[in-house]
Amino acid sequence: IRLAEAPSYGIPICMYDPKSAGAEAYRNL
């Protein structure tokens, strides 16, 4: 959900919710 929300704020997930599963996944990628 956090990954889906972030674009509406104009920021990437690592800034919107740095500890979310989505942020961790993109760091791993």
mmCIF file of all heavy atoms, coordinates in Angstrom:
data_MODEL
# 
_entry.id   MODEL 
# 
loop_
_atom_site.group_PDB 
_atom_site.id 
_atom_site.type_symbol 
_atom_site.label_atom_id 
_atom_site.label_alt_id 
_atom_site.label_comp_id 
_atom_site.label_asym_id 
_atom_site.label_entity_id 
_atom_site.label_seq_id 
_atom_site.pdbx_PDB_ins_code 
_atom_site.Cartn_x 
_atom_site.Cartn_y 
_atom_site.Cartn_z 
_atom_site.occupancy 
_atom_site.B_iso_or_equiv 
_atom_site.pdbx_formal_charge 
_atom_site.auth_seq_id 
_atom_site.auth_comp_id 
_atom_site.auth_asym_id 
_atom_site.auth_atom_id 
_atom_site.pdbx_PDB_model_num 
ATOM 1   N N   . ILE A 1 1  ? 0.837  -1.219 0.000  1.00 0.00 ? 1  ILE A N   1 
ATOM 2   C CA  . ILE A 1 1  ? 0.000  0.000  0.000  1.00 0.00 ? 1  ILE A CA  1 
ATOM 3   C C   . ILE A 1 1  ? 0.865  1.260  0.000  1.00 0.00 ? 1  ILE A C   1 
ATOM 4   O O   . ILE A 1 1  ? 0.602  2.218  -0.732 1.00 0.00 ? 1  ILE A O   1 
ATOM 5   C CB  . ILE A 1 1  ? -0.925 0.033  1.248  1.00 0.00 ? 1  ILE A CB  1 
ATOM 6   C CG1 . ILE A 1 1  ? -1.889 -1.162 1.243  1.00 0.00 ? 1  ILE A CG1 1 
ATOM 7   C CG2 . ILE A 1 1  ? -1.700 1.344  1.322  1.00 0.00 ? 1  ILE A CG2 1 
ATOM 8   C CD1 . ILE A 1 1  ? -2.873 -1.186 0.119  1.00 0.00 ? 1  ILE A CD1 1 
ATOM 9   N N   . ARG A 1 2  ? 1.927  1.274  0.816  1.00 0.00 ? 2  ARG A N   1 
ATOM 10  C CA  . ARG A 1 2  ? 2.784  2.456  0.922  1.00 0.00 ? 2  ARG A CA  1 
ATOM 11  C C   . ARG A 1 2  ? 3.447  2.770  -0.427 1.00 0.00 ? 2  ARG A C   1 
ATOM 12  O O   . ARG A 1 2  ? 3.617  3.928  -0.795 1.00 0.00 ? 2  ARG A O   1 
ATOM 13  C CB  . ARG A 1 2  ? 3.855  2.258  2.003  1.00 0.00 ? 2  ARG A CB  1 
ATOM 14  C CG  . ARG A 1 2  ? 3.323  1.828  3.344  1.00 0.00 ? 2  ARG A CG  1 
ATOM 15  C CD  . ARG A 1 2  ? 2.421  2.883  3.973  1.00 0.00 ? 2  ARG A CD  1 
ATOM 16  N NE  . ARG A 1 2  ? 3.148  3.923  4.667  1.00 0.00 ? 2  ARG A NE  1 
ATOM 17  C CZ  . ARG A 1 2  ? 2.605  5.069  5.075  1.00 0.00 ? 2  ARG A CZ  1 
ATOM 18  N NH1 . ARG A 1 2  ? 1.329  5.313  4.843  1.00 0.00 ? 2  ARG A NH1 1 
ATOM 19  N NH2 . ARG A 1 2  ? 3.331  5.970  5.702  1.00 0.00 ? 2  ARG A NH2 1 
ATOM 20  N N   . LEU A 1 3  ? 3.802  1.707  -1.145 1.00 0.00 ? 3  LEU A N   1 
ATOM 21  C CA  . LEU A 1 3  ? 4.416  1.859  -2.476 1.00 0.00 ? 3  LEU A CA  1 
ATOM 22  C C   . LEU A 1 3  ? 3.436  2.523  -3.445 1.00 0.00 ? 3  LEU A C   1 
ATOM 23  O O   . LEU A 1 3  ? 3.813  3.355  -4.271 1.00 0.00 ? 3  LEU A O   1 
ATOM 24  C CB  . LEU A 1 3  ? 4.806  0.466  -2.985 1.00 0.00 ? 3  LEU A CB  1 
ATOM 25  C CG  . LEU A 1 3  ? 5.936  0.285  -3.984 1.00 0.00 ? 3  LEU A CG  1 
ATOM 26  C CD1 . LEU A 1 3  ? 7.174  1.061  -3.614 1.00 0.00 ? 3  LEU A CD1 1 
ATOM 27  C CD2 . LEU A 1 3  ? 6.261  -1.197 -4.135 1.00 0.00 ? 3  LEU A CD2 1 
ATOM 28  N N   . ALA A 1 4  ? 2.169  2.155  -3.329 1.00 0.00 ? 4  ALA A N   1 
ATOM 29  C CA  . ALA A 1 4  ? 1.131  2.720  -4.201 1.00 0.00 ? 4  ALA A CA  1 
ATOM 30  C C   . ALA A 1 4  ? 0.829  4.180  -3.841 1.00 0.00 ? 4  ALA A C   1 
ATOM 31  O O   . ALA A 1 4  ? 0.466  4.982  -4.705 1.00 0.00 ? 4  ALA A O   1 
ATOM 32  C CB  . ALA A 1 4  ? -0.136 1.875  -4.105 1.00 0.00 ? 4  ALA A CB  1 
ATOM 33  N N   . GLU A 1 5  ? 0.987  4.527  -2.562 1.00 0.00 ? 5  GLU A N   1 
ATOM 34  C CA  . GLU A 1 5  ? 0.659  5.887  -2.105 1.00 0.00 ? 5  GLU A CA  1 
ATOM 35  C C   . GLU A 1 5  ? 1.732  6.911  -2.468 1.00 0.00 ? 5  GLU A C   1 
ATOM 36  O O   . GLU A 1 5  ? 1.423  8.066  -2.758 1.00 0.00 ? 5  GLU A O   1 
ATOM 37  C CB  . GLU A 1 5  ? 0.491  5.898  -0.580 1.00 0.00 ? 5  GLU A CB  1 
ATOM 38  C CG  . GLU A 1 5  ? -0.759 5.225  -0.073 1.00 0.00 ? 5  GLU A CG  1 
ATOM 39  C CD  . GLU A 1 5  ? -0.766 5.074  1.452  1.00 0.00 ? 5  GLU A CD  1 
ATOM 40  O OE1 . GLU A 1 5  ? 0.260  5.392  2.109  1.00 0.00 ? 5  GLU A OE1 1 
ATOM 41  O OE2 . GLU A 1 5  ? -1.793 4.638  1.972  1.00 0.00 ? 5  GLU A OE2 1 
ATOM 42  N N   . ALA A 1 6  ? 2.992  6.476  -2.440 1.00 0.00 ? 6  ALA A N   1 
ATOM 43  C CA  . ALA A 1 6  ? 4.116  7.418  -2.551 1.00 0.00 ? 6  ALA A CA  1 
ATOM 44  C C   . ALA A 1 6  ? 4.051  8.359  -3.764 1.00 0.00 ? 6  ALA A C   1 
ATOM 45  O O   . ALA A 1 6  ? 4.293  9.560  -3.618 1.00 0.00 ? 6  ALA A O   1 
ATOM 46  C CB  . ALA A 1 6  ? 5.439  6.645  -2.539 1.00 0.00 ? 6  ALA A CB  1 
ATOM 47  N N   . PRO A 1 7  ? 3.709  7.866  -5.001 1.00 0.00 ? 7  PRO A N   1 
ATOM 48  C CA  . PRO A 1 7  ? 3.727  8.772  -6.158 1.00 0.00 ? 7  PRO A CA  1 
ATOM 49  C C   . PRO A 1 7  ? 2.801  9.976  -6.017 1.00 0.00 ? 7  PRO A C   1 
ATOM 50  O O   . PRO A 1 7  ? 3.096  11.046 -6.544 1.00 0.00 ? 7  PRO A O   1 
ATOM 51  C CB  . PRO A 1 7  ? 3.268  7.881  -7.325 1.00 0.00 ? 7  PRO A CB  1 
ATOM 52  C CG  . PRO A 1 7  ? 3.520  6.493  -6.870 1.00 0.00 ? 7  PRO A CG  1 
ATOM 53  C CD  . PRO A 1 7  ? 3.368  6.496  -5.389 1.00 0.00 ? 7  PRO A CD  1 
ATOM 54  N N   . SER A 1 8  ? 1.688  9.817  -5.293 1.00 0.00 ? 8  SER A N   1 
ATOM 55  C CA  . SER A 1 8  ? 0.754  10.945 -5.163 1.00 0.00 ? 8  SER A CA  1 
ATOM 56  C C   . SER A 1 8  ? 1.362  12.081 -4.339 1.00 0.00 ? 8  SER A C   1 
ATOM 57  O O   . SER A 1 8  ? 0.901  13.214 -4.382 1.00 0.00 ? 8  SER A O   1 
ATOM 58  C CB  . SER A 1 8  ? -0.574 10.486 -4.555 1.00 0.00 ? 8  SER A CB  1 
ATOM 59  O OG  . SER A 1 8  ? -0.362 9.979  -3.260 1.00 0.00 ? 8  SER A OG  1 
ATOM 60  N N   . TYR A 1 9  ? 2.437  11.771 -3.602 1.00 0.00 ? 9  TYR A N   1 
ATOM 61  C CA  . TYR A 1 9  ? 3.152  12.801 -2.842 1.00 0.00 ? 9  TYR A CA  1 
ATOM 62  C C   . TYR A 1 9  ? 4.387  13.303 -3.596 1.00 0.00 ? 9  TYR A C   1 
ATOM 63  O O   . TYR A 1 9  ? 5.113  14.167 -3.100 1.00 0.00 ? 9  TYR A O   1 
ATOM 64  C CB  . TYR A 1 9  ? 3.554  12.253 -1.463 1.00 0.00 ? 9  TYR A CB  1 
ATOM 65  C CG  . TYR A 1 9  ? 2.366  11.976 -0.577 1.00 0.00 ? 9  TYR A CG  1 
ATOM 66  C CD1 . TYR A 1 9  ? 1.757  10.722 -0.592 1.00 0.00 ? 9  TYR A CD1 1 
ATOM 67  C CD2 . TYR A 1 9  ? 1.831  12.963 0.246  1.00 0.00 ? 9  TYR A CD2 1 
ATOM 68  C CE1 . TYR A 1 9  ? 0.637  10.461 0.209  1.00 0.00 ? 9  TYR A CE1 1 
ATOM 69  C CE2 . TYR A 1 9  ? 0.723  12.719 1.044  1.00 0.00 ? 9  TYR A CE2 1 
ATOM 70  C CZ  . TYR A 1 9  ? 0.128  11.465 1.013  1.00 0.00 ? 9  TYR A CZ  1 
ATOM 71  O OH  . TYR A 1 9  ? -0.968 11.219 1.793  1.00 0.00 ? 9  TYR A OH  1 
ATOM 72  N N   . GLY A 1 10 ? 4.639  12.723 -4.782 1.00 0.00 ? 10 GLY A N   1 
ATOM 73  C CA  . GLY A 1 10 ? 5.771  13.165 -5.606 1.00 0.00 ? 10 GLY A CA  1 
ATOM 74  C C   . GLY A 1 10 ? 7.125  12.806 -5.028 1.00 0.00 ? 10 GLY A C   1 
ATOM 75  O O   . GLY A 1 10 ? 8.120  13.477 -5.303 1.00 0.00 ? 10 GLY A O   1 
ATOM 76  N N   . ILE A 1 11 ? 7.159  11.730 -4.217 1.00 0.00 ? 11 ILE A N   1 
ATOM 77  C CA  . ILE A 1 11 ? 8.444  11.285 -3.660 1.00 0.00 ? 11 ILE A CA  1 
ATOM 78  C C   . ILE A 1 11 ? 8.541  9.753  -3.754 1.00 0.00 ? 11 ILE A C   1 
ATOM 79  O O   . ILE A 1 11 ? 7.520  9.067  -3.730 1.00 0.00 ? 11 ILE A O   1 
ATOM 80  C CB  . ILE A 1 11 ? 8.657  11.731 -2.186 1.00 0.00 ? 11 ILE A CB  1 
ATOM 81  C CG1 . ILE A 1 11 ? 7.454  11.376 -1.309 1.00 0.00 ? 11 ILE A CG1 1 
ATOM 82  C CG2 . ILE A 1 11 ? 8.984  13.211 -2.109 1.00 0.00 ? 11 ILE A CG2 1 
ATOM 83  C CD1 . ILE A 1 11 ? 7.653  11.658 0.165  1.00 0.00 ? 11 ILE A CD1 1 
ATOM 84  N N   . PRO A 1 12 ? 9.767  9.234  -3.847 1.00 0.00 ? 12 PRO A N   1 
ATOM 85  C CA  . PRO A 1 12 ? 9.946  7.780  -3.898 1.00 0.00 ? 12 PRO A CA  1 
ATOM 86  C C   . PRO A 1 12 ? 9.692  7.136  -2.535 1.00 0.00 ? 12 PRO A C   1 
ATOM 87  O O   . PRO A 1 12 ? 9.683  7.822  -1.506 1.00 0.00 ? 12 PRO A O   1 
ATOM 88  C CB  . PRO A 1 12 ? 11.406 7.606  -4.318 1.00 0.00 ? 12 PRO A CB  1 
ATOM 89  C CG  . PRO A 1 12 ? 12.074 8.885  -3.955 1.00 0.00 ? 12 PRO A CG  1 
ATOM 90  C CD  . PRO A 1 12 ? 11.039 9.957  -4.007 1.00 0.00 ? 12 PRO A CD  1 
ATOM 91  N N   . ILE A 1 13 ? 9.519  5.829  -2.540 1.00 0.00 ? 13 ILE A N   1 
ATOM 92  C CA  . ILE A 1 13 ? 9.173  5.099  -1.323 1.00 0.00 ? 13 ILE A CA  1 
ATOM 93  C C   . ILE A 1 13 ? 10.259 5.212  -0.247 1.00 0.00 ? 13 ILE A C   1 
ATOM 94  O O   . ILE A 1 13 ? 9.953  5.257  0.937  1.00 0.00 ? 13 ILE A O   1 
ATOM 95  C CB  . ILE A 1 13 ? 8.854  3.608  -1.648 1.00 0.00 ? 13 ILE A CB  1 
ATOM 96  C CG1 . ILE A 1 13 ? 8.291  2.873  -0.433 1.00 0.00 ? 13 ILE A CG1 1 
ATOM 97  C CG2 . ILE A 1 13 ? 10.064 2.885  -2.210 1.00 0.00 ? 13 ILE A CG2 1 
ATOM 98  C CD1 . ILE A 1 13 ? 6.940  3.338  0.039  1.00 0.00 ? 13 ILE A CD1 1 
ATOM 99  N N   . CYS A 1 14 ? 11.526 5.333  -0.646 1.00 0.00 ? 14 CYS A N   1 
ATOM 100 C CA  . CYS A 1 14 ? 12.597 5.396  0.364  1.00 0.00 ? 14 CYS A CA  1 
ATOM 101 C C   . CYS A 1 14 ? 12.555 6.702  1.153  1.00 0.00 ? 14 CYS A C   1 
ATOM 102 O O   . CYS A 1 14 ? 13.161 6.805  2.223  1.00 0.00 ? 14 CYS A O   1 
ATOM 103 C CB  . CYS A 1 14 ? 13.970 5.176  -0.268 1.00 0.00 ? 14 CYS A CB  1 
ATOM 104 S SG  . CYS A 1 14 ? 14.427 6.422  -1.468 1.00 0.00 ? 14 CYS A SG  1 
ATOM 105 N N   . MET A 1 15 ? 11.830 7.709  0.631  1.00 0.00 ? 15 MET A N   1 
ATOM 106 C CA  . MET A 1 15 ? 11.628 8.950  1.379  1.00 0.00 ? 15 MET A CA  1 
ATOM 107 C C   . MET A 1 15 ? 10.253 8.961  2.068  1.00 0.00 ? 15 MET A C   1 
ATOM 108 O O   . MET A 1 15 ? 10.098 9.481  3.158  1.00 0.00 ? 15 MET A O   1 
ATOM 109 C CB  . MET A 1 15 ? 11.734 10.158 0.439  1.00 0.00 ? 15 MET A CB  1 
ATOM 110 C CG  . MET A 1 15 ? 13.142 10.385 -0.093 1.00 0.00 ? 15 MET A CG  1 
ATOM 111 S SD  . MET A 1 15 ? 13.168 11.537 -1.494 1.00 0.00 ? 15 MET A SD  1 
ATOM 112 C CE  . MET A 1 15 ? 12.717 13.072 -0.708 1.00 0.00 ? 15 MET A CE  1 
ATOM 113 N N   . TYR A 1 16 ? 9.269  8.367  1.411  1.00 0.00 ? 16 TYR A N   1 
ATOM 114 C CA  . TYR A 1 16 ? 7.890  8.380  1.930  1.00 0.00 ? 16 TYR A CA  1 
ATOM 115 C C   . TYR A 1 16 ? 7.747  7.458  3.136  1.00 0.00 ? 16 TYR A C   1 
ATOM 116 O O   . TYR A 1 16 ? 7.153  7.822  4.152  1.00 0.00 ? 16 TYR A O   1 
ATOM 117 C CB  . TYR A 1 16 ? 6.932  7.954  0.813  1.00 0.00 ? 16 TYR A CB  1 
ATOM 118 C CG  . TYR A 1 16 ? 5.489  7.905  1.220  1.00 0.00 ? 16 TYR A CG  1 
ATOM 119 C CD1 . TYR A 1 16 ? 4.799  9.064  1.580  1.00 0.00 ? 16 TYR A CD1 1 
ATOM 120 C CD2 . TYR A 1 16 ? 4.796  6.691  1.242  1.00 0.00 ? 16 TYR A CD2 1 
ATOM 121 C CE1 . TYR A 1 16 ? 3.460  9.012  1.953  1.00 0.00 ? 16 TYR A CE1 1 
ATOM 122 C CE2 . TYR A 1 16 ? 3.459  6.633  1.609  1.00 0.00 ? 16 TYR A CE2 1 
ATOM 123 C CZ  . TYR A 1 16 ? 2.803  7.795  1.963  1.00 0.00 ? 16 TYR A CZ  1 
ATOM 124 O OH  . TYR A 1 16 ? 1.481  7.749  2.328  1.00 0.00 ? 16 TYR A OH  1 
ATOM 125 N N   . ASP A 1 17 ? 8.295  6.252  3.027  1.00 0.00 ? 17 ASP A N   1 
ATOM 126 C CA  . ASP A 1 17 ? 8.248  5.298  4.146  1.00 0.00 ? 17 ASP A CA  1 
ATOM 127 C C   . ASP A 1 17 ? 9.491  4.404  4.074  1.00 0.00 ? 17 ASP A C   1 
ATOM 128 O O   . ASP A 1 17 ? 9.442  3.294  3.551  1.00 0.00 ? 17 ASP A O   1 
ATOM 129 C CB  . ASP A 1 17 ? 6.955  4.465  4.081  1.00 0.00 ? 17 ASP A CB  1 
ATOM 130 C CG  . ASP A 1 17 ? 6.758  3.625  5.336  1.00 0.00 ? 17 ASP A CG  1 
ATOM 131 O OD1 . ASP A 1 17 ? 7.708  3.525  6.144  1.00 0.00 ? 17 ASP A OD1 1 
ATOM 132 O OD2 . ASP A 1 17 ? 5.660  3.063  5.516  1.00 0.00 ? 17 ASP A OD2 1 
ATOM 133 N N   . PRO A 1 18 ? 10.620 4.912  4.600  1.00 0.00 ? 18 PRO A N   1 
ATOM 134 C CA  . PRO A 1 18 ? 11.913 4.239  4.431  1.00 0.00 ? 18 PRO A CA  1 
ATOM 135 C C   . PRO A 1 18 ? 11.966 2.820  4.985  1.00 0.00 ? 18 PRO A C   1 
ATOM 136 O O   . PRO A 1 18 ? 12.769 2.011  4.544  1.00 0.00 ? 18 PRO A O   1 
ATOM 137 C CB  . PRO A 1 18 ? 12.900 5.131  5.193  1.00 0.00 ? 18 PRO A CB  1 
ATOM 138 C CG  . PRO A 1 18 ? 12.193 6.409  5.438  1.00 0.00 ? 18 PRO A CG  1 
ATOM 139 C CD  . PRO A 1 18 ? 10.730 6.142  5.382  1.00 0.00 ? 18 PRO A CD  1 
ATOM 140 N N   . LYS A 1 19 ? 11.077 2.510  5.939  1.00 0.00 ? 19 LYS A N   1 
ATOM 141 C CA  . LYS A 1 19 ? 11.150 1.195  6.586  1.00 0.00 ? 19 LYS A CA  1 
ATOM 142 C C   . LYS A 1 19 ? 10.137 0.200  6.006  1.00 0.00 ? 19 LYS A C   1 
ATOM 143 O O   . LYS A 1 19 ? 10.034 -0.931 6.470  1.00 0.00 ? 19 LYS A O   1 
ATOM 144 C CB  . LYS A 1 19 ? 10.929 1.342  8.093  1.00 0.00 ? 19 LYS A CB  1 
ATOM 145 C CG  . LYS A 1 19 ? 12.080 2.057  8.803  1.00 0.00 ? 19 LYS A CG  1 
ATOM 146 C CD  . LYS A 1 19 ? 11.932 1.984  10.311 1.00 0.00 ? 19 LYS A CD  1 
ATOM 147 C CE  . LYS A 1 19 ? 13.201 2.382  11.034 1.00 0.00 ? 19 LYS A CE  1 
ATOM 148 N NZ  . LYS A 1 19 ? 13.624 3.755  10.758 1.00 0.00 ? 19 LYS A NZ  1 
ATOM 149 N N   . SER A 1 20 ? 9.382  0.630  4.997  1.00 0.00 ? 20 SER A N   1 
ATOM 150 C CA  . SER A 1 20 ? 8.344  -0.249 4.443  1.00 0.00 ? 20 SER A CA  1 
ATOM 151 C C   . SER A 1 20 ? 8.966  -1.405 3.653  1.00 0.00 ? 20 SER A C   1 
ATOM 152 O O   . SER A 1 20 ? 10.128 -1.351 3.227  1.00 0.00 ? 20 SER A O   1 
ATOM 153 C CB  . SER A 1 20 ? 7.414  0.545  3.514  1.00 0.00 ? 20 SER A CB  1 
ATOM 154 O OG  . SER A 1 20 ? 8.141  0.986  2.383  1.00 0.00 ? 20 SER A OG  1 
ATOM 155 N N   . ALA A 1 21 ? 8.162  -2.437 3.432  1.00 0.00 ? 21 ALA A N   1 
ATOM 156 C CA  . ALA A 1 21 ? 8.623  -3.601 2.659  1.00 0.00 ? 21 ALA A CA  1 
ATOM 157 C C   . ALA A 1 21 ? 8.993  -3.194 1.235  1.00 0.00 ? 21 ALA A C   1 
ATOM 158 O O   . ALA A 1 21 ? 9.955  -3.697 0.648  1.00 0.00 ? 21 ALA A O   1 
ATOM 159 C CB  . ALA A 1 21 ? 7.530  -4.666 2.637  1.00 0.00 ? 21 ALA A CB  1 
ATOM 160 N N   . GLY A 1 22 ? 8.240  -2.235 0.671  1.00 0.00 ? 22 GLY A N   1 
ATOM 161 C CA  . GLY A 1 22 ? 8.521  -1.764 -0.696 1.00 0.00 ? 22 GLY A CA  1 
ATOM 162 C C   . GLY A 1 22 ? 9.876  -1.074 -0.791 1.00 0.00 ? 22 GLY A C   1 
ATOM 163 O O   . GLY A 1 22 ? 10.635 -1.293 -1.733 1.00 0.00 ? 22 GLY A O   1 
ATOM 164 N N   . ALA A 1 23 ? 10.181 -0.243 0.210  1.00 0.00 ? 23 ALA A N   1 
ATOM 165 C CA  . ALA A 1 23 ? 11.475 0.466  0.222  1.00 0.00 ? 23 ALA A CA  1 
ATOM 166 C C   . ALA A 1 23 ? 12.626 -0.529 0.327  1.00 0.00 ? 23 ALA A C   1 
ATOM 167 O O   . ALA A 1 23 ? 13.630 -0.418 -0.388 1.00 0.00 ? 23 ALA A O   1 
ATOM 168 C CB  . ALA A 1 23 ? 11.522 1.460  1.383  1.00 0.00 ? 23 ALA A CB  1 
ATOM 169 N N   . GLU A 1 24 ? 12.471 -1.516 1.201  1.00 0.00 ? 24 GLU A N   1 
ATOM 170 C CA  . GLU A 1 24 ? 13.514 -2.538 1.369  1.00 0.00 ? 24 GLU A CA  1 
ATOM 171 C C   . GLU A 1 24 ? 13.727 -3.318 0.073  1.00 0.00 ? 24 GLU A C   1 
ATOM 172 O O   . GLU A 1 24 ? 14.859 -3.614 -0.314 1.00 0.00 ? 24 GLU A O   1 
ATOM 173 C CB  . GLU A 1 24 ? 13.133 -3.515 2.497  1.00 0.00 ? 24 GLU A CB  1 
ATOM 174 C CG  . GLU A 1 24 ? 13.547 -3.047 3.879  1.00 0.00 ? 24 GLU A CG  1 
ATOM 175 C CD  . GLU A 1 24 ? 15.014 -2.619 3.948  1.00 0.00 ? 24 GLU A CD  1 
ATOM 176 O OE1 . GLU A 1 24 ? 15.900 -3.424 3.620  1.00 0.00 ? 24 GLU A OE1 1 
ATOM 177 O OE2 . GLU A 1 24 ? 15.271 -1.453 4.309  1.00 0.00 ? 24 GLU A OE2 1 
ATOM 178 N N   . ALA A 1 25 ? 12.621 -3.658 -0.583 1.00 0.00 ? 25 ALA A N   1 
ATOM 179 C CA  . ALA A 1 25 ? 12.714 -4.444 -1.821 1.00 0.00 ? 25 ALA A CA  1 
ATOM 180 C C   . ALA A 1 25 ? 13.490 -3.677 -2.896 1.00 0.00 ? 25 ALA A C   1 
ATOM 181 O O   . ALA A 1 25 ? 14.360 -4.248 -3.563 1.00 0.00 ? 25 ALA A O   1 
ATOM 182 C CB  . ALA A 1 25 ? 11.307 -4.792 -2.329 1.00 0.00 ? 25 ALA A CB  1 
ATOM 183 N N   . TYR A 1 26 ? 13.206 -2.385 -3.052 1.00 0.00 ? 26 TYR A N   1 
ATOM 184 C CA  . TYR A 1 26 ? 13.916 -1.618 -4.089 1.00 0.00 ? 26 TYR A CA  1 
ATOM 185 C C   . TYR A 1 26 ? 15.385 -1.390 -3.730 1.00 0.00 ? 26 TYR A C   1 
ATOM 186 O O   . TYR A 1 26 ? 16.236 -1.321 -4.614 1.00 0.00 ? 26 TYR A O   1 
ATOM 187 C CB  . TYR A 1 26 ? 13.178 -0.308 -4.407 1.00 0.00 ? 26 TYR A CB  1 
ATOM 188 C CG  . TYR A 1 26 ? 12.086 -0.551 -5.421 1.00 0.00 ? 26 TYR A CG  1 
ATOM 189 C CD1 . TYR A 1 26 ? 10.747 -0.498 -5.077 1.00 0.00 ? 26 TYR A CD1 1 
ATOM 190 C CD2 . TYR A 1 26 ? 12.408 -0.895 -6.745 1.00 0.00 ? 26 TYR A CD2 1 
ATOM 191 C CE1 . TYR A 1 26 ? 9.744  -0.760 -6.014 1.00 0.00 ? 26 TYR A CE1 1 
ATOM 192 C CE2 . TYR A 1 26 ? 11.411 -1.152 -7.677 1.00 0.00 ? 26 TYR A CE2 1 
ATOM 193 C CZ  . TYR A 1 26 ? 10.091 -1.092 -7.309 1.00 0.00 ? 26 TYR A CZ  1 
ATOM 194 O OH  . TYR A 1 26 ? 9.119  -1.370 -8.236 1.00 0.00 ? 26 TYR A OH  1 
ATOM 195 N N   . ARG A 1 27 ? 15.680 -1.312 -2.424 1.00 0.00 ? 27 ARG A N   1 
ATOM 196 C CA  . ARG A 1 27 ? 17.102 -1.246 -2.023 1.00 0.00 ? 27 ARG A CA  1 
ATOM 197 C C   . ARG A 1 27 ? 17.819 -2.542 -2.405 1.00 0.00 ? 27 ARG A C   1 
ATOM 198 O O   . ARG A 1 27 ? 18.952 -2.523 -2.887 1.00 0.00 ? 27 ARG A O   1 
ATOM 199 C CB  . ARG A 1 27 ? 17.217 -1.024 -0.514 1.00 0.00 ? 27 ARG A CB  1 
ATOM 200 C CG  . ARG A 1 27 ? 16.914 0.397  -0.094 1.00 0.00 ? 27 ARG A CG  1 
ATOM 201 C CD  . ARG A 1 27 ? 17.259 0.646  1.369  1.00 0.00 ? 27 ARG A CD  1 
ATOM 202 N NE  . ARG A 1 27 ? 16.677 1.913  1.777  1.00 0.00 ? 27 ARG A NE  1 
ATOM 203 C CZ  . ARG A 1 27 ? 15.599 2.030  2.545  1.00 0.00 ? 27 ARG A CZ  1 
ATOM 204 N NH1 . ARG A 1 27 ? 15.001 0.957  3.027  1.00 0.00 ? 27 ARG A NH1 1 
ATOM 205 N NH2 . ARG A 1 27 ? 15.135 3.222  2.866  1.00 0.00 ? 27 ARG A NH2 1 
ATOM 206 N N   . ASN A 1 28 ? 17.135 -3.671 -2.188 1.00 0.00 ? 28 ASN A N   1 
ATOM 207 C CA  . ASN A 1 28 ? 17.728 -4.968 -2.545 1.00 0.00 ? 28 ASN A CA  1 
ATOM 208 C C   . ASN A 1 28 ? 17.931 -5.086 -4.054 1.00 0.00 ? 28 ASN A C   1 
ATOM 209 O O   . ASN A 1 28 ? 18.945 -5.608 -4.523 1.00 0.00 ? 28 ASN A O   1 
ATOM 210 C CB  . ASN A 1 28 ? 16.842 -6.118 -2.049 1.00 0.00 ? 28 ASN A CB  1 
ATOM 211 C CG  . ASN A 1 28 ? 16.808 -6.201 -0.537 1.00 0.00 ? 28 ASN A CG  1 
ATOM 212 O OD1 . ASN A 1 28 ? 17.705 -5.689 0.140  1.00 0.00 ? 28 ASN A OD1 1 
ATOM 213 N ND2 . ASN A 1 28 ? 15.781 -6.833 0.014  1.00 0.00 ? 28 ASN A ND2 1 
ATOM 214 N N   . LEU A 1 29 ? 16.957 -4.591 -4.821 1.00 0.00 ? 29 LEU A N   1 
ATOM 215 C CA  . LEU A 1 29 ? 17.079 -4.624 -6.284 1.00 0.00 ? 29 LEU A CA  1 
ATOM 216 C C   . LEU A 1 29 ? 18.266 -3.758 -6.728 1.00 0.00 ? 29 LEU A C   1 
ATOM 217 O O   . LEU A 1 29 ? 19.041 -4.150 -7.616 1.00 0.00 ? 29 LEU A O   1 
ATOM 218 C CB  . LEU A 1 29 ? 15.775 -4.140 -6.935 1.00 0.00 ? 29 LEU A CB  1 
ATOM 219 C CG  . LEU A 1 29 ? 15.754 -4.153 -8.474 1.00 0.00 ? 29 LEU A CG  1 
ATOM 220 C CD1 . LEU A 1 29 ? 15.929 -5.572 -9.020 1.00 0.00 ? 29 LEU A CD1 1 
ATOM 221 C CD2 . LEU A 1 29 ? 14.452 -3.539 -8.996 1.00 0.00 ? 29 LEU A CD2 1 
# 
